[in-house]
Amino acid sequence: MANHEDNIVSPMLTTSEVAHMLNVHINTVRRWSNQMVLKSYRIGARGDRRFRKEDVEQFLEREGKTKLLKETLG
């Protein structure tokens, strides 16, 4: 039987939050999303981008910035 914690969805991060975490401009995050360098999800009628924390962590690992991740995410 599945653990209840497995069914909990982690909160999604906004483009602005990801930009702040990575210390880059919001348009850089948008560009990476458009280029599929950083995985994003489109939500709502406007198609706003949202990012999973896990996807941002994987991006940082690929980019060799795990130190930044630990300092930013705790």
Foldseek 3Di string as FASTA:
>chain_A
DDDPVVPDDDDWAFLVRLCVLVVHDSVVSVVCCVVVLQPWFFDDPVRGTTHDPVSSCVSCVVVVNVVSVVVRVD
